[in-house]
N, C-alpha and C. Protein backbone atom coordinates (compact mmCIF):
# COMPACT_ATOMS: atom_id res chain seq x y z
N MET A 1 -10.22 -10.25 12.52
CA MET A 1 -9.12 -10.44 11.61
C MET A 1 -8.22 -9.20 11.51
N VAL A 2 -8.77 -8.05 11.88
CA VAL A 2 -7.99 -6.82 11.81
C VAL A 2 -6.77 -6.91 12.74
N GLU A 3 -6.99 -7.38 13.95
CA GLU A 3 -5.87 -7.50 14.90
C GLU A 3 -4.84 -8.52 14.42
N GLN A 4 -5.29 -9.61 13.83
CA GLN A 4 -4.35 -10.60 13.30
C GLN A 4 -3.55 -10.00 12.15
N PHE A 5 -4.22 -9.26 11.24
CA PHE A 5 -3.52 -8.59 10.14
C PHE A 5 -2.48 -7.64 10.70
N LYS A 6 -2.89 -6.82 11.66
CA LYS A 6 -1.98 -5.82 12.25
C LYS A 6 -0.75 -6.49 12.84
N ALA A 7 -0.94 -7.55 13.61
CA ALA A 7 0.18 -8.25 14.24
C ALA A 7 1.13 -8.84 13.18
N ALA A 8 0.55 -9.46 12.16
CA ALA A 8 1.38 -10.08 11.12
C ALA A 8 2.14 -9.02 10.31
N ALA A 9 1.47 -7.92 9.97
CA ALA A 9 2.13 -6.86 9.20
C ALA A 9 3.25 -6.20 10.00
N GLU A 10 3.00 -5.96 11.27
CA GLU A 10 4.04 -5.37 12.11
C GLU A 10 5.21 -6.32 12.31
N ALA A 11 4.94 -7.62 12.33
CA ALA A 11 6.01 -8.61 12.49
C ALA A 11 6.99 -8.60 11.32
N VAL A 12 6.53 -8.16 10.14
CA VAL A 12 7.42 -8.09 8.98
C VAL A 12 7.88 -6.67 8.69
N GLY A 13 7.68 -5.76 9.66
CA GLY A 13 8.26 -4.42 9.54
C GLY A 13 7.34 -3.31 9.09
N ALA A 14 6.06 -3.58 8.87
CA ALA A 14 5.14 -2.53 8.47
C ALA A 14 4.65 -1.77 9.70
N ALA A 15 4.30 -0.53 9.50
CA ALA A 15 3.65 0.26 10.54
C ALA A 15 2.16 0.26 10.21
N VAL A 16 1.32 -0.08 11.18
CA VAL A 16 -0.11 -0.19 10.94
C VAL A 16 -0.85 0.75 11.87
N LYS A 17 -1.77 1.52 11.30
CA LYS A 17 -2.60 2.42 12.10
C LYS A 17 -4.06 2.08 11.83
N LEU A 18 -4.81 1.85 12.90
CA LEU A 18 -6.24 1.59 12.80
C LEU A 18 -6.96 2.93 12.84
N CYS A 19 -7.77 3.21 11.84
CA CYS A 19 -8.46 4.49 11.74
C CYS A 19 -9.96 4.26 11.73
N THR A 20 -10.67 4.92 12.62
CA THR A 20 -12.11 4.71 12.71
C THR A 20 -12.87 5.51 11.66
N THR A 21 -12.23 6.55 11.12
CA THR A 21 -12.88 7.35 10.07
C THR A 21 -11.88 7.62 8.95
N LEU A 22 -12.41 7.96 7.79
CA LEU A 22 -11.55 8.34 6.68
C LEU A 22 -10.78 9.62 7.02
N ASP A 23 -11.43 10.55 7.71
CA ASP A 23 -10.75 11.79 8.10
C ASP A 23 -9.52 11.51 8.96
N GLU A 24 -9.64 10.54 9.87
CA GLU A 24 -8.50 10.17 10.72
C GLU A 24 -7.37 9.58 9.87
N ALA A 25 -7.71 8.76 8.90
CA ALA A 25 -6.69 8.16 8.02
C ALA A 25 -6.01 9.23 7.18
N ILE A 26 -6.79 10.17 6.66
CA ILE A 26 -6.23 11.25 5.84
C ILE A 26 -5.30 12.12 6.69
N ALA A 27 -5.70 12.41 7.91
CA ALA A 27 -4.84 13.21 8.80
C ALA A 27 -3.53 12.49 9.07
N SER A 28 -3.58 11.18 9.29
CA SER A 28 -2.36 10.40 9.52
C SER A 28 -1.47 10.41 8.29
N LEU A 29 -2.08 10.28 7.13
CA LEU A 29 -1.31 10.30 5.88
C LEU A 29 -0.66 11.66 5.67
N LYS A 30 -1.41 12.71 5.91
CA LYS A 30 -0.86 14.06 5.72
C LYS A 30 0.30 14.33 6.68
N GLU A 31 0.21 13.80 7.87
CA GLU A 31 1.31 13.93 8.83
C GLU A 31 2.54 13.19 8.31
N LEU A 32 2.33 12.00 7.78
CA LEU A 32 3.42 11.19 7.23
C LEU A 32 4.03 11.85 6.00
N ALA A 33 3.20 12.53 5.20
CA ALA A 33 3.65 13.12 3.94
C ALA A 33 4.12 14.57 4.08
N ALA A 34 4.05 15.12 5.27
CA ALA A 34 4.43 16.53 5.47
C ALA A 34 5.85 16.79 4.99
N GLY A 35 5.99 17.79 4.13
CA GLY A 35 7.31 18.18 3.63
C GLY A 35 7.88 17.23 2.59
N LYS A 36 7.09 16.29 2.12
CA LYS A 36 7.57 15.31 1.15
C LYS A 36 6.82 15.44 -0.17
N MET A 37 7.48 15.03 -1.23
CA MET A 37 6.82 14.94 -2.55
C MET A 37 6.11 13.60 -2.63
N ALA A 38 4.89 13.61 -3.14
CA ALA A 38 4.09 12.39 -3.19
C ALA A 38 3.76 12.00 -4.64
N MET A 39 3.37 10.74 -4.78
CA MET A 39 2.78 10.24 -6.02
C MET A 39 1.78 9.17 -5.62
N THR A 40 0.81 8.91 -6.47
CA THR A 40 -0.22 7.95 -6.12
C THR A 40 -0.44 6.93 -7.22
N SER A 41 -0.95 5.78 -6.82
CA SER A 41 -1.54 4.86 -7.78
C SER A 41 -3.02 5.22 -7.78
N ALA A 42 -3.84 4.46 -8.47
CA ALA A 42 -5.27 4.78 -8.54
C ALA A 42 -5.88 4.75 -7.14
N LEU A 43 -6.58 5.81 -6.81
CA LEU A 43 -7.25 5.91 -5.52
C LEU A 43 -8.73 6.17 -5.76
N PRO A 44 -9.58 5.72 -4.86
CA PRO A 44 -10.99 6.10 -4.98
C PRO A 44 -11.11 7.62 -5.00
N GLY A 45 -12.07 8.13 -5.76
CA GLY A 45 -12.23 9.57 -5.93
C GLY A 45 -12.35 10.34 -4.64
N ASN A 46 -13.08 9.78 -3.66
CA ASN A 46 -13.25 10.51 -2.40
C ASN A 46 -11.93 10.66 -1.66
N ILE A 47 -11.04 9.70 -1.78
CA ILE A 47 -9.74 9.81 -1.12
C ILE A 47 -8.83 10.76 -1.89
N HIS A 48 -8.79 10.60 -3.21
CA HIS A 48 -7.92 11.46 -4.02
C HIS A 48 -8.27 12.93 -3.82
N ALA A 49 -9.55 13.24 -3.75
CA ALA A 49 -9.98 14.63 -3.58
C ALA A 49 -9.50 15.23 -2.26
N LEU A 50 -9.33 14.40 -1.24
CA LEU A 50 -8.90 14.89 0.07
C LEU A 50 -7.40 15.11 0.16
N LEU A 51 -6.67 14.75 -0.89
CA LEU A 51 -5.21 14.87 -0.88
C LEU A 51 -4.70 16.04 -1.71
N ASP A 52 -5.61 16.91 -2.16
CA ASP A 52 -5.20 17.97 -3.08
C ASP A 52 -4.20 18.96 -2.51
N ASP A 53 -4.06 19.01 -1.18
CA ASP A 53 -3.10 19.95 -0.61
C ASP A 53 -1.71 19.34 -0.40
N LEU A 54 -1.52 18.07 -0.81
CA LEU A 54 -0.18 17.49 -0.77
C LEU A 54 0.64 18.01 -1.94
N THR A 55 1.94 17.92 -1.83
CA THR A 55 2.82 18.29 -2.93
C THR A 55 3.11 17.04 -3.74
N PHE A 56 2.76 17.08 -5.02
CA PHE A 56 2.94 15.91 -5.88
C PHE A 56 4.12 16.11 -6.83
N ALA A 57 4.87 15.03 -7.03
CA ALA A 57 5.97 15.05 -7.99
C ALA A 57 5.38 15.17 -9.39
N PRO A 58 6.03 15.91 -10.28
CA PRO A 58 5.55 15.98 -11.66
C PRO A 58 5.54 14.58 -12.28
N PRO A 59 4.58 14.27 -13.16
CA PRO A 59 4.49 12.93 -13.75
C PRO A 59 5.77 12.46 -14.44
N ASP A 60 6.54 13.39 -14.98
CA ASP A 60 7.77 13.01 -15.66
C ASP A 60 8.99 13.00 -14.72
N ARG A 61 8.76 13.25 -13.42
CA ARG A 61 9.86 13.25 -12.45
C ARG A 61 9.49 12.40 -11.22
N THR A 62 9.10 11.17 -11.47
CA THR A 62 8.72 10.28 -10.38
C THR A 62 9.90 10.01 -9.45
N ASP A 63 11.11 10.26 -9.93
CA ASP A 63 12.29 10.07 -9.09
C ASP A 63 12.32 11.05 -7.92
N LEU A 64 11.53 12.10 -7.98
CA LEU A 64 11.49 13.09 -6.90
C LEU A 64 10.55 12.69 -5.76
N ALA A 65 9.70 11.70 -5.99
CA ALA A 65 8.70 11.34 -4.98
C ALA A 65 9.35 10.66 -3.78
N ASP A 66 8.97 11.11 -2.60
CA ASP A 66 9.44 10.53 -1.34
C ASP A 66 8.45 9.52 -0.79
N ILE A 67 7.16 9.71 -1.13
CA ILE A 67 6.11 8.85 -0.61
C ILE A 67 5.13 8.47 -1.72
N GLY A 68 4.84 7.19 -1.79
CA GLY A 68 3.84 6.68 -2.71
C GLY A 68 2.59 6.31 -1.92
N ILE A 69 1.44 6.60 -2.50
CA ILE A 69 0.17 6.36 -1.82
C ILE A 69 -0.69 5.46 -2.70
N SER A 70 -1.23 4.39 -2.10
CA SER A 70 -2.06 3.48 -2.88
C SER A 70 -3.22 2.96 -2.04
N PHE A 71 -4.07 2.20 -2.69
CA PHE A 71 -5.27 1.65 -2.07
C PHE A 71 -5.30 0.15 -2.35
N ALA A 72 -5.35 -0.66 -1.32
CA ALA A 72 -5.32 -2.11 -1.49
C ALA A 72 -6.72 -2.66 -1.80
N MET A 73 -6.75 -3.67 -2.64
CA MET A 73 -8.00 -4.37 -2.93
C MET A 73 -8.41 -5.23 -1.74
N ALA A 74 -7.40 -5.79 -1.06
CA ALA A 74 -7.67 -6.70 0.06
C ALA A 74 -6.40 -6.88 0.87
N GLY A 75 -6.56 -7.50 2.02
CA GLY A 75 -5.42 -7.85 2.88
C GLY A 75 -5.59 -9.27 3.36
N ALA A 76 -4.47 -9.95 3.62
CA ALA A 76 -4.48 -11.32 4.15
C ALA A 76 -3.98 -11.28 5.59
N ALA A 77 -4.85 -11.64 6.52
CA ALA A 77 -4.54 -11.51 7.95
C ALA A 77 -3.38 -12.39 8.39
N GLN A 78 -3.30 -13.59 7.89
CA GLN A 78 -2.27 -14.53 8.34
C GLN A 78 -0.85 -14.01 8.10
N THR A 79 -0.65 -13.32 6.97
CA THR A 79 0.69 -12.88 6.59
C THR A 79 0.88 -11.36 6.66
N GLY A 80 -0.22 -10.61 6.85
CA GLY A 80 -0.12 -9.16 6.83
C GLY A 80 0.15 -8.63 5.43
N SER A 81 -0.27 -9.38 4.42
CA SER A 81 -0.03 -9.02 3.03
C SER A 81 -1.15 -8.17 2.46
N LEU A 82 -0.80 -7.36 1.47
CA LEU A 82 -1.74 -6.48 0.78
C LEU A 82 -1.83 -6.89 -0.68
N LEU A 83 -3.04 -6.89 -1.24
CA LEU A 83 -3.25 -7.16 -2.66
C LEU A 83 -3.58 -5.85 -3.33
N LEU A 84 -2.79 -5.47 -4.34
CA LEU A 84 -3.00 -4.23 -5.08
C LEU A 84 -3.17 -4.52 -6.56
N ASP A 85 -4.05 -3.77 -7.20
CA ASP A 85 -4.22 -3.83 -8.65
C ASP A 85 -3.40 -2.69 -9.23
N LEU A 86 -2.32 -3.03 -9.93
CA LEU A 86 -1.39 -2.03 -10.45
C LEU A 86 -1.21 -2.19 -11.95
N THR A 87 -2.32 -2.26 -12.68
CA THR A 87 -2.28 -2.51 -14.11
C THR A 87 -1.54 -1.41 -14.86
N ASP A 88 -1.71 -0.16 -14.45
CA ASP A 88 -1.02 0.95 -15.09
C ASP A 88 0.43 1.00 -14.61
N PRO A 89 1.42 0.99 -15.51
CA PRO A 89 2.83 1.02 -15.09
C PRO A 89 3.18 2.20 -14.18
N ALA A 90 2.54 3.34 -14.39
CA ALA A 90 2.81 4.51 -13.53
C ALA A 90 2.35 4.22 -12.10
N GLU A 91 1.28 3.45 -11.97
CA GLU A 91 0.80 3.09 -10.64
C GLU A 91 1.79 2.18 -9.93
N ARG A 92 2.44 1.30 -10.67
CA ARG A 92 3.47 0.44 -10.07
C ARG A 92 4.60 1.29 -9.52
N SER A 93 4.94 2.35 -10.22
CA SER A 93 6.02 3.22 -9.77
C SER A 93 5.74 3.82 -8.40
N ALA A 94 4.47 4.15 -8.15
CA ALA A 94 4.12 4.76 -6.86
C ALA A 94 4.32 3.80 -5.70
N THR A 95 4.31 2.51 -5.97
CA THR A 95 4.49 1.53 -4.90
C THR A 95 5.92 1.03 -4.79
N ALA A 96 6.76 1.35 -5.76
CA ALA A 96 8.11 0.79 -5.78
C ALA A 96 9.24 1.82 -5.70
N LEU A 97 9.03 3.01 -6.23
CA LEU A 97 10.12 3.98 -6.30
C LEU A 97 10.35 4.81 -5.03
N PRO A 98 9.31 5.36 -4.43
CA PRO A 98 9.54 6.18 -3.22
C PRO A 98 10.05 5.35 -2.05
N GLN A 99 10.72 6.00 -1.13
CA GLN A 99 11.25 5.32 0.06
C GLN A 99 10.16 4.96 1.06
N ILE A 100 9.01 5.64 0.95
CA ILE A 100 7.89 5.37 1.85
C ILE A 100 6.67 5.01 1.02
N HIS A 101 5.97 3.95 1.43
CA HIS A 101 4.74 3.55 0.75
C HIS A 101 3.62 3.52 1.79
N ALA A 102 2.59 4.31 1.56
CA ALA A 102 1.42 4.34 2.44
C ALA A 102 0.24 3.72 1.70
N VAL A 103 -0.46 2.82 2.36
CA VAL A 103 -1.54 2.08 1.72
C VAL A 103 -2.81 2.17 2.56
N PHE A 104 -3.91 2.54 1.91
CA PHE A 104 -5.22 2.49 2.55
C PHE A 104 -5.75 1.07 2.38
N LEU A 105 -6.36 0.53 3.44
CA LEU A 105 -6.94 -0.81 3.40
C LEU A 105 -8.25 -0.80 4.18
N LYS A 106 -9.34 -1.17 3.53
CA LYS A 106 -10.63 -1.28 4.23
C LYS A 106 -10.60 -2.54 5.09
N ALA A 107 -10.98 -2.40 6.34
CA ALA A 107 -11.02 -3.55 7.26
C ALA A 107 -11.94 -4.64 6.72
N SER A 108 -13.00 -4.26 6.05
CA SER A 108 -13.96 -5.23 5.52
C SER A 108 -13.40 -6.10 4.40
N THR A 109 -12.24 -5.72 3.85
CA THR A 109 -11.64 -6.51 2.77
C THR A 109 -10.53 -7.44 3.26
N ILE A 110 -10.30 -7.48 4.56
CA ILE A 110 -9.27 -8.37 5.10
C ILE A 110 -9.85 -9.78 5.18
N VAL A 111 -9.12 -10.72 4.59
CA VAL A 111 -9.52 -12.13 4.60
C VAL A 111 -8.52 -12.91 5.45
N SER A 112 -8.82 -14.17 5.72
CA SER A 112 -8.01 -14.95 6.66
C SER A 112 -6.59 -15.20 6.17
N ASP A 113 -6.43 -15.58 4.91
CA ASP A 113 -5.09 -15.93 4.40
C ASP A 113 -5.03 -15.73 2.89
N LEU A 114 -3.88 -16.02 2.31
CA LEU A 114 -3.72 -15.81 0.87
C LEU A 114 -4.66 -16.69 0.05
N TYR A 115 -4.99 -17.87 0.53
CA TYR A 115 -5.92 -18.75 -0.18
C TYR A 115 -7.30 -18.12 -0.29
N ALA A 116 -7.69 -17.35 0.71
CA ALA A 116 -9.01 -16.72 0.72
C ALA A 116 -9.11 -15.57 -0.28
N LEU A 117 -8.00 -15.20 -0.90
CA LEU A 117 -8.02 -14.17 -1.95
C LEU A 117 -8.47 -14.75 -3.29
N HIS A 118 -8.72 -16.04 -3.34
CA HIS A 118 -9.05 -16.73 -4.59
C HIS A 118 -10.16 -16.04 -5.38
N ASP A 119 -11.27 -15.73 -4.73
CA ASP A 119 -12.41 -15.14 -5.45
C ASP A 119 -12.06 -13.78 -6.06
N ILE A 120 -11.34 -12.97 -5.30
CA ILE A 120 -10.93 -11.66 -5.81
C ILE A 120 -9.98 -11.83 -6.99
N LEU A 121 -9.03 -12.74 -6.86
CA LEU A 121 -8.07 -12.98 -7.95
C LEU A 121 -8.79 -13.51 -9.19
N ALA A 122 -9.67 -14.47 -9.01
CA ALA A 122 -10.39 -15.06 -10.15
C ALA A 122 -11.21 -14.00 -10.86
N ARG A 123 -11.93 -13.18 -10.11
CA ARG A 123 -12.77 -12.14 -10.71
C ARG A 123 -11.91 -11.12 -11.46
N THR A 124 -10.82 -10.69 -10.85
CA THR A 124 -9.97 -9.68 -11.47
C THR A 124 -9.26 -10.22 -12.71
N LEU A 125 -8.74 -11.42 -12.61
CA LEU A 125 -7.98 -11.98 -13.73
C LEU A 125 -8.86 -12.45 -14.87
N SER A 126 -10.14 -12.69 -14.62
CA SER A 126 -11.03 -13.14 -15.69
C SER A 126 -11.72 -11.98 -16.40
N SER A 127 -11.55 -10.76 -15.88
CA SER A 127 -12.17 -9.61 -16.53
C SER A 127 -11.42 -9.28 -17.82
N SER A 128 -12.09 -8.56 -18.70
CA SER A 128 -11.46 -8.22 -19.98
C SER A 128 -10.30 -7.26 -19.76
N GLY A 129 -9.36 -7.29 -20.65
CA GLY A 129 -8.18 -6.44 -20.52
C GLY A 129 -7.11 -7.11 -19.68
N SER A 130 -5.99 -6.46 -19.59
CA SER A 130 -4.89 -7.04 -18.83
C SER A 130 -4.97 -6.60 -17.37
N SER A 131 -4.37 -7.39 -16.53
CA SER A 131 -4.31 -7.06 -15.10
C SER A 131 -2.89 -7.30 -14.60
N TYR A 132 -2.47 -6.47 -13.69
CA TYR A 132 -1.19 -6.64 -13.03
C TYR A 132 -1.47 -6.51 -11.55
N LEU A 133 -1.39 -7.62 -10.86
CA LEU A 133 -1.66 -7.63 -9.43
C LEU A 133 -0.35 -7.79 -8.67
N SER A 134 -0.31 -7.20 -7.50
CA SER A 134 0.89 -7.27 -6.68
C SER A 134 0.49 -7.62 -5.26
N VAL A 135 1.22 -8.54 -4.65
CA VAL A 135 1.03 -8.86 -3.24
C VAL A 135 2.26 -8.32 -2.52
N ILE A 136 2.01 -7.44 -1.55
CA ILE A 136 3.09 -6.78 -0.82
C ILE A 136 3.02 -7.21 0.63
N THR A 137 4.15 -7.67 1.14
CA THR A 137 4.24 -8.07 2.55
C THR A 137 5.43 -7.35 3.16
N GLY A 138 5.17 -6.28 3.89
CA GLY A 138 6.23 -5.53 4.55
C GLY A 138 7.02 -4.66 3.60
N PRO A 139 7.97 -3.89 4.15
CA PRO A 139 8.84 -3.08 3.30
C PRO A 139 9.76 -3.98 2.48
N SER A 140 10.34 -3.41 1.44
CA SER A 140 11.24 -4.17 0.58
C SER A 140 12.43 -4.68 1.40
N ARG A 141 12.77 -5.95 1.17
CA ARG A 141 13.91 -6.51 1.89
C ARG A 141 14.61 -7.56 1.01
N THR A 142 15.90 -7.66 1.20
CA THR A 142 16.68 -8.68 0.50
C THR A 142 17.86 -9.09 1.37
N ALA A 143 18.32 -10.28 1.16
CA ALA A 143 19.54 -10.76 1.84
C ALA A 143 20.42 -11.48 0.82
N ASP A 144 20.35 -11.02 -0.43
CA ASP A 144 21.10 -11.71 -1.48
C ASP A 144 22.57 -11.30 -1.57
N ILE A 145 22.99 -10.33 -0.78
CA ILE A 145 24.41 -9.95 -0.77
C ILE A 145 25.00 -10.46 0.54
N GLU A 146 25.75 -11.52 0.46
CA GLU A 146 26.40 -12.14 1.61
C GLU A 146 25.42 -12.45 2.74
N ARG A 147 24.17 -12.69 2.39
CA ARG A 147 23.11 -13.07 3.33
C ARG A 147 22.96 -12.07 4.48
N VAL A 148 23.16 -10.80 4.16
CA VAL A 148 22.96 -9.72 5.12
C VAL A 148 21.65 -9.04 4.77
N LEU A 149 20.71 -9.03 5.71
CA LEU A 149 19.40 -8.44 5.47
C LEU A 149 19.53 -6.94 5.28
N THR A 150 18.98 -6.45 4.16
CA THR A 150 18.98 -5.03 3.85
C THR A 150 17.56 -4.62 3.52
N ILE A 151 17.11 -3.53 4.10
CA ILE A 151 15.76 -3.03 3.87
C ILE A 151 15.80 -1.90 2.86
N GLY A 152 14.89 -1.93 1.88
CA GLY A 152 14.72 -0.83 0.95
C GLY A 152 15.58 -0.83 -0.29
N VAL A 153 16.24 -1.92 -0.61
CA VAL A 153 17.09 -1.94 -1.80
C VAL A 153 16.25 -2.00 -3.07
N HIS A 154 15.22 -2.82 -3.08
CA HIS A 154 14.40 -3.03 -4.28
C HIS A 154 13.02 -2.40 -4.16
N GLY A 155 12.86 -1.43 -3.30
CA GLY A 155 11.57 -0.79 -3.09
C GLY A 155 11.59 0.01 -1.81
N PRO A 156 10.41 0.38 -1.33
CA PRO A 156 10.32 1.25 -0.15
C PRO A 156 10.97 0.68 1.11
N LYS A 157 11.58 1.57 1.87
CA LYS A 157 12.16 1.19 3.17
C LYS A 157 11.08 1.13 4.24
N GLU A 158 9.99 1.86 4.02
CA GLU A 158 8.90 1.91 5.00
C GLU A 158 7.58 1.57 4.32
N LEU A 159 6.77 0.78 5.01
CA LEU A 159 5.40 0.50 4.57
C LEU A 159 4.47 0.89 5.71
N HIS A 160 3.53 1.78 5.40
CA HIS A 160 2.54 2.23 6.38
C HIS A 160 1.17 1.82 5.88
N VAL A 161 0.43 1.08 6.70
CA VAL A 161 -0.91 0.63 6.33
C VAL A 161 -1.91 1.37 7.20
N LEU A 162 -2.83 2.05 6.54
CA LEU A 162 -3.89 2.78 7.21
C LEU A 162 -5.18 1.99 7.04
N ILE A 163 -5.59 1.30 8.09
CA ILE A 163 -6.77 0.44 8.02
C ILE A 163 -8.00 1.29 8.32
N LEU A 164 -8.93 1.30 7.37
CA LEU A 164 -10.18 2.04 7.51
C LEU A 164 -11.22 1.12 8.12
N GLU A 165 -11.45 1.30 9.41
CA GLU A 165 -12.38 0.40 10.13
C GLU A 165 -13.83 0.84 10.01
N GLY A 166 -14.09 2.12 9.95
CA GLY A 166 -15.47 2.58 10.04
C GLY A 166 -16.13 2.93 8.72
N GLU A 167 -15.49 2.72 7.62
CA GLU A 167 -16.04 3.17 6.33
C GLU A 167 -16.27 1.98 5.42
């Protein structure tokens, strides 16, 4: 399913990198983020700790961030879509405001299609507290102005998916 996800995501404009180790994914991210201000949504502790040498935008100046970094709950192979839990409004900003969005995705969480996300959605939405889930397919795009396709008007111009195959 990884190859199907990669093909579908690339077909809608995402850049996909298959990484056999977390170190390889972190190195790719650092290369992408070089010289840029970053911000993150919630990341697993082991990943967040490896990013301490990046330059982060101050929390009150998210407008300065060039790259947002997040971690997907799952991916849908048929469409190349990513499912993210963005309950905290600041976390939503990391996926929508910067021009570049980089997302870590575990290969083991890729399912066949959007329908196969049912169990994850049911579990997340039935838990106590509020939830804000987002399904992202490719970089932001719109054609609502004279039906001319424009990339990056309502969100990132670039979407980079780092698939963690070996972890």
